Structures are given as C-alpha cells and as structure tokens.
Amino acid sequence: MSYVNPAIRPQFDSMPAQLREHILQMNIRLDTMADLMGCLERIVAQEQNG
C-alpha cells in the first residue's frame, strides 16, 4: 500500500487523477517532495523506455 505524507498531499492531489492512481499502484512511500519527484522521474523513464 502506498503512503503519501500529509505535508505533500496538496501537491500530490493537484496532479491528474490517472497519474495519482499510477503512483498509488506503485506501492511506494512518499514522505518528501524529493520522493515524489523521484517517483515522477521513474515514471517518465519507464515511458521513454517503452
């Protein structure tokens, strides 16, 4: 089960619903903005690598 720290929840909630769902399905812990940015970078890299 993924976890999003309440401190970064507003930023998380501002993302498109499909992206939020994808992140939640990754089963990761997001404690900081750096964690969230790293997660987004992983998603972009996966998309680019097909």
Protein backbone atom coordinates (compact mmCIF):
# COMPACT_ATOMS: atom_id res chain seq x y z
CA MET A 1 0.00 0.00 0.00
CA SER A 2 1.36 3.40 -0.96
CA TYR A 3 1.69 6.23 1.55
CA VAL A 4 1.62 9.97 0.86
CA ASN A 5 2.78 12.22 3.69
CA PRO A 6 0.12 14.81 4.56
CA ALA A 7 2.78 17.53 4.14
CA ILE A 8 2.97 16.85 0.39
CA ARG A 9 -0.64 15.72 -0.10
CA PRO A 10 -1.74 19.07 -1.67
CA GLN A 11 0.92 18.71 -4.39
CA PHE A 12 0.00 15.07 -4.90
CA ASP A 13 -3.70 15.90 -5.12
CA SER A 14 -3.03 18.61 -7.71
CA MET A 15 -1.77 16.02 -10.23
CA PRO A 16 -4.08 14.42 -12.79
CA ALA A 17 -6.16 11.54 -11.40
CA GLN A 18 -4.64 8.97 -13.76
CA LEU A 19 -1.12 9.88 -12.65
CA ARG A 20 -2.09 9.75 -8.96
CA GLU A 21 -3.60 6.30 -9.48
CA HIS A 22 -0.48 5.09 -11.27
CA ILE A 23 1.69 6.29 -8.37
CA LEU A 24 -0.54 4.64 -5.79
CA GLN A 25 -0.32 1.36 -7.68
CA MET A 26 3.49 1.50 -7.45
CA ASN A 27 3.23 0.65 -3.75
CA ILE A 28 5.76 3.26 -2.59
CA ARG A 29 6.18 5.66 0.30
CA LEU A 30 6.25 9.39 -0.44
CA ASP A 31 7.50 11.32 2.56
CA THR A 32 9.05 14.34 0.85
CA MET A 33 8.81 16.32 -2.36
CA ALA A 34 12.11 14.69 -3.34
CA ASP A 35 10.41 11.29 -3.07
CA LEU A 36 7.55 12.50 -5.25
CA MET A 37 9.90 13.98 -7.84
CA GLY A 38 11.95 10.78 -7.92
CA CYS A 39 8.79 8.77 -8.47
CA LEU A 40 7.75 11.03 -11.34
CA GLU A 41 11.22 10.70 -12.89
CA ARG A 42 10.91 6.90 -12.72
CA ILE A 43 7.54 7.06 -14.47
CA VAL A 44 8.96 9.28 -17.24
CA ALA A 45 11.95 6.95 -17.69
CA GLN A 46 9.65 3.92 -17.93
CA GLU A 47 7.51 5.68 -20.55
CA GLN A 48 10.57 6.63 -22.60
CA ASN A 49 11.94 3.09 -22.49
CA GLY A 50 8.65 1.66 -23.62
